[in-house]
Every structure is written in structure tokens, then in C-alpha cells.
């Protein structure tokens, strides 16, 4: 019972944090100067996906007791996004992939530099979505709620899309019912990070 209470409190805290972030992103959307500062990066510190994405993925996999299902192949790089915002993107994409796929099925995170952009792909083999559902992803919308119990308010993918848009990137979602979903995020690269082995 205590474990159930603890998990519920973690879920509620995550929901509140996501709601606050969504509100902030809505306000930023009306402030072109703030958006320009983020996109040109100003004095902000960029994030390295090779350290941030595995951390985000591991935390969500532990929550769902699915660490064995996680596959992470993330190339180092320095991309134009704050570390905390990149952590949120990685966390939300991992959460969605784990939540909507079966235990024992792989959930992959692949990150690589392609030209002047960094591509982060998140792939699951879950229940997927129909094309009309992908097109109508909005906050507070959950698909097939009558058939599948879902926790939360449906903030995950919309938060990812808004964050990526603020930084001038793109987020594409490809999904096939009963096959799975692939989300690809593209963000600008500042340069490679060398790692001494």
C-alpha cells in the first residue's frame, strides 16, 4: 500500500511540473524576444544528449520496472537546448514509449549527428496510433481511454513538441496501430563533444 501511495505521489508531482511547464511555454509563445534568445542561445549552457538522454531514459525505465527493455545508443554532441529542457524531452518520450508498450518489448533511443542537426529517435513496439490521432495530438487528449487505463492528462507529446519548437527544431511522429510509434526530434548542433576513452 505504501509503495502504491509513493508511486501515486511521484505521478502527481510529475503532472504538476508538466502543467507548470506547459503554462510557461504558452507564455513564451507570446514573447518573440524570449524565443529569439533561446534560439540564438545567448549566455545559456547547451546540453549533451550522450549524458542527458540515458539518465532520463533510465529514470523512467526504473519507474516502470522495465530497465531490461531499454536500448540506448546516443552519440555525443553539443546541441542548442538547455540541459533541463533536453532532459524533459528525453523523459517524456521515454515515459510515453514505456507506458504504451508491453513489458518485454524493446524501447529504443538512438541519437546521432546528421549534418548541422542532432537527430534523436525514440522507437517503441506498442499499440501505436491511427493517422487521425497523430494529427490531433493536443493537451488533455487521450486516445482510447475507454479501452486502456491511462494516468495523467496527455501532456507528454505536446510538451515535447512545444519545447522543440521554442528552440527552432522539429518533431515528427510516425505511428502504426498495433505496430508501434517512432518520434524523431531534430535540433541544431553546436559541435561535437570529444570523449577520452
Protein backbone atom coordinates (compact mmCIF):
# COMPACT_ATOMS: atom_id res chain seq x y z
CA UNK A 1 0.00 0.00 0.00
CA UNK A 2 2.86 2.38 0.86
CA UNK A 3 4.52 1.67 -2.50
CA UNK A 4 1.24 2.49 -4.26
CA UNK A 5 0.96 5.79 -2.35
CA UNK A 6 4.57 6.64 -3.16
CA UNK A 7 4.12 5.93 -6.88
CA UNK A 8 0.92 8.00 -6.94
CA UNK A 9 2.69 10.95 -5.30
CA UNK A 10 5.51 10.75 -7.86
CA UNK A 11 2.93 10.69 -10.66
CA UNK A 12 1.07 13.67 -9.18
CA UNK A 13 4.30 15.67 -8.81
CA UNK A 14 5.18 14.94 -12.43
CA UNK A 15 1.72 16.06 -13.54
CA UNK A 16 2.03 19.35 -11.66
CA UNK A 17 5.51 20.00 -13.05
CA UNK A 18 4.29 19.31 -16.58
CA UNK A 19 1.33 21.64 -16.13
CA UNK A 20 3.61 24.43 -14.92
CA UNK A 21 6.00 23.88 -17.84
CA UNK A 22 3.11 23.91 -20.31
CA UNK A 23 1.94 27.24 -18.87
CA UNK A 24 5.46 28.70 -19.17
CA UNK A 25 5.74 27.54 -22.78
CA UNK A 26 2.40 29.17 -23.59
CA UNK A 27 3.66 32.47 -22.14
CA UNK A 28 6.98 32.19 -24.03
CA UNK A 29 4.97 31.71 -27.22
CA UNK A 30 3.79 35.31 -26.90
CA UNK A 31 7.29 36.69 -26.27
CA UNK A 32 9.33 36.79 -29.51
CA UNK A 33 12.35 38.27 -27.69
CA UNK A 34 12.50 35.30 -25.30
CA UNK A 35 12.19 32.83 -28.17
CA UNK A 36 14.95 34.62 -30.09
CA UNK A 37 17.22 34.49 -27.03
CA UNK A 38 16.70 30.74 -26.70
CA UNK A 39 17.21 30.09 -30.40
CA UNK A 40 20.42 32.13 -30.52
CA UNK A 41 21.31 30.66 -27.14
CA UNK A 42 22.64 33.88 -25.61
CA UNK A 43 24.52 33.04 -22.40
CA UNK A 44 22.78 29.69 -21.89
CA UNK A 45 24.63 26.41 -21.41
CA UNK A 46 23.88 23.79 -24.09
CA UNK A 47 23.09 20.16 -23.36
CA UNK A 48 24.96 16.98 -24.35
CA UNK A 49 22.49 14.21 -25.21
CA UNK A 50 25.01 11.43 -24.52
CA UNK A 51 24.88 12.24 -20.80
CA UNK A 52 21.33 13.57 -20.51
CA UNK A 53 19.20 11.12 -22.55
CA UNK A 54 20.49 7.91 -20.89
CA UNK A 55 19.82 9.48 -17.48
CA UNK A 56 16.25 10.41 -18.44
CA UNK A 57 15.60 7.01 -20.00
CA UNK A 58 16.98 5.07 -17.02
CA UNK A 59 14.87 7.02 -14.54
CA UNK A 60 11.61 6.33 -16.40
CA UNK A 61 12.51 2.68 -17.07
CA UNK A 62 13.13 2.19 -13.35
CA UNK A 63 9.73 3.70 -12.56
CA UNK A 64 8.03 1.17 -14.87
CA UNK A 65 10.31 -1.73 -13.82
CA UNK A 66 11.48 -2.07 -17.43
CA UNK A 67 15.21 -1.44 -17.36
CA UNK A 68 15.82 -4.63 -19.39
CA UNK A 69 13.61 -3.30 -22.22
CA UNK A 70 15.62 -0.11 -22.71
CA UNK A 71 18.06 0.22 -25.63
CA UNK A 72 20.11 3.42 -25.72
CA UNK A 73 22.62 4.38 -28.45
CA UNK A 74 23.34 8.08 -28.07
CA UNK A 75 26.19 9.83 -29.90
CA UNK A 76 27.83 12.72 -28.04
CA UNK A 77 27.28 16.24 -29.30
CA UNK A 78 26.51 19.75 -28.12
CA UNK A 79 23.07 20.85 -29.20
CA UNK A 80 21.15 24.09 -28.98
CA UNK A 81 18.93 23.42 -25.99
CA UNK A 82 19.17 23.86 -22.25
CA UNK A 83 20.16 20.69 -20.41
CA UNK A 84 16.97 20.72 -18.29
CA UNK A 85 14.78 21.05 -21.38
CA UNK A 86 16.62 18.22 -23.14
CA UNK A 87 16.16 16.10 -20.00
CA UNK A 88 12.41 16.82 -20.10
CA UNK A 89 12.21 15.81 -23.78
CA UNK A 90 14.07 12.57 -23.13
CA UNK A 91 11.98 11.82 -20.06
CA UNK A 92 8.60 12.46 -21.70
CA UNK A 93 9.42 10.47 -24.84
CA UNK A 94 10.70 7.54 -22.78
CA UNK A 95 7.67 7.70 -20.50
CA UNK A 96 5.25 7.57 -23.43
CA UNK A 97 7.11 4.71 -25.10
CA UNK A 98 7.18 2.62 -21.92
CA UNK A 99 3.62 3.46 -20.92
CA UNK A 100 2.13 2.42 -24.25
CA UNK A 101 4.15 -0.72 -24.99
CA UNK A 102 4.16 -4.17 -23.43
CA UNK A 103 6.66 -5.31 -20.83
CA UNK A 104 9.37 -7.30 -22.61
CA UNK A 105 9.18 -5.32 -25.86
CA UNK A 106 12.21 -3.13 -26.70
CA UNK A 107 12.13 0.65 -26.39
CA UNK A 108 14.99 2.25 -28.33
CA UNK A 109 16.69 5.64 -28.02
CA UNK A 110 19.02 6.49 -30.89
CA UNK A 111 20.86 9.81 -31.14
CA UNK A 112 23.24 10.92 -33.89
CA UNK A 113 24.55 13.98 -35.65
CA UNK A 114 23.30 14.48 -39.20
CA UNK A 115 24.94 17.48 -40.82
CA UNK A 116 24.18 20.58 -38.75
CA UNK A 117 21.44 18.86 -36.73
CA UNK A 118 21.18 16.29 -33.98
CA UNK A 119 18.57 13.58 -34.52
CA UNK A 120 17.02 11.87 -31.51
CA UNK A 121 14.78 8.91 -32.38
CA UNK A 122 12.55 7.16 -29.87
CA UNK A 123 11.09 3.86 -31.07
CA UNK A 124 8.63 1.55 -29.36
CA UNK A 125 6.65 -1.50 -30.43
CA UNK A 126 3.48 -0.63 -28.57
CA UNK A 127 -0.14 -0.19 -29.55
CA UNK A 128 0.55 2.78 -31.82
CA UNK A 129 -1.86 5.44 -33.06
CA UNK A 130 -4.01 5.96 -36.11
CA UNK A 131 -3.07 8.80 -38.53
CA UNK A 132 -6.01 10.91 -37.33
CA UNK A 133 -4.84 10.50 -33.73
CA UNK A 134 -1.31 11.61 -34.60
CA UNK A 135 -2.69 14.71 -36.34
CA UNK A 136 -4.90 15.62 -33.39
CA UNK A 137 -2.35 15.34 -30.58
CA UNK A 138 -3.34 18.07 -28.15
CA UNK A 139 -3.06 18.64 -24.45
CA UNK A 140 -5.73 16.93 -22.36
CA UNK A 141 -6.50 14.47 -25.18
CA UNK A 142 -6.01 10.76 -24.51
CA UNK A 143 -6.90 8.23 -27.15
CA UNK A 144 -8.96 5.09 -26.47
CA UNK A 145 -9.28 5.93 -22.78
CA UNK A 146 -12.35 3.67 -22.56
CA UNK A 147 -10.23 0.68 -23.63
CA UNK A 148 -6.90 1.47 -21.94
CA UNK A 149 -6.35 2.86 -18.44
CA UNK A 150 -4.01 5.84 -18.63
CA UNK A 151 -2.57 8.05 -15.91
CA UNK A 152 -2.03 11.76 -16.46
CA UNK A 153 -3.58 14.39 -18.70
CA UNK A 154 -1.87 13.80 -22.03
CA UNK A 155 0.85 16.47 -21.68
CA UNK A 156 3.80 14.33 -22.83
CA UNK A 157 3.95 14.68 -26.60
CA UNK A 158 2.58 18.22 -26.68
CA UNK A 159 5.27 19.34 -24.21
CA UNK A 160 7.94 17.75 -26.38
CA UNK A 161 6.59 19.44 -29.49
CA UNK A 162 6.37 22.86 -27.81
CA UNK A 163 9.88 22.63 -26.34
CA UNK A 164 11.36 21.60 -29.67
CA UNK A 165 9.52 24.41 -31.49
CA UNK A 166 10.79 27.01 -29.00
CA UNK A 167 14.37 26.00 -29.90
CA UNK A 168 13.68 26.11 -33.63
CA UNK A 169 13.71 22.33 -34.10
CA UNK A 170 11.24 19.83 -35.49
CA UNK A 171 9.37 16.89 -34.02
CA UNK A 172 7.76 14.26 -36.25
CA UNK A 173 5.64 11.33 -35.12
CA UNK A 174 5.10 8.20 -37.19
CA UNK A 175 2.82 5.54 -35.79
CA UNK A 176 1.04 2.39 -36.92
CA UNK A 177 -1.71 0.81 -34.80
CA UNK A 178 -0.58 -2.44 -33.11
CA UNK A 179 2.94 -1.98 -34.55
CA UNK A 180 4.45 0.93 -32.67
CA UNK A 181 5.48 4.57 -32.70
CA UNK A 182 8.61 6.45 -33.76
CA UNK A 183 9.22 10.02 -32.64
CA UNK A 184 12.08 11.94 -34.28
CA UNK A 185 13.34 15.18 -32.79
CA UNK A 186 15.77 17.36 -34.76
CA UNK A 187 17.72 20.16 -33.05
CA UNK A 188 20.62 22.37 -34.14
CA UNK A 189 24.16 21.23 -33.34
CA UNK A 190 26.82 23.45 -31.78
CA UNK A 191 29.59 20.90 -32.31
CA UNK A 192 30.84 17.50 -31.32
CA UNK A 193 31.98 16.69 -27.83
CA UNK A 194 35.21 14.68 -27.67
CA UNK A 195 35.33 11.83 -25.17
CA UNK A 196 38.61 10.39 -23.90
CA UNK A 197 38.40 6.62 -23.56
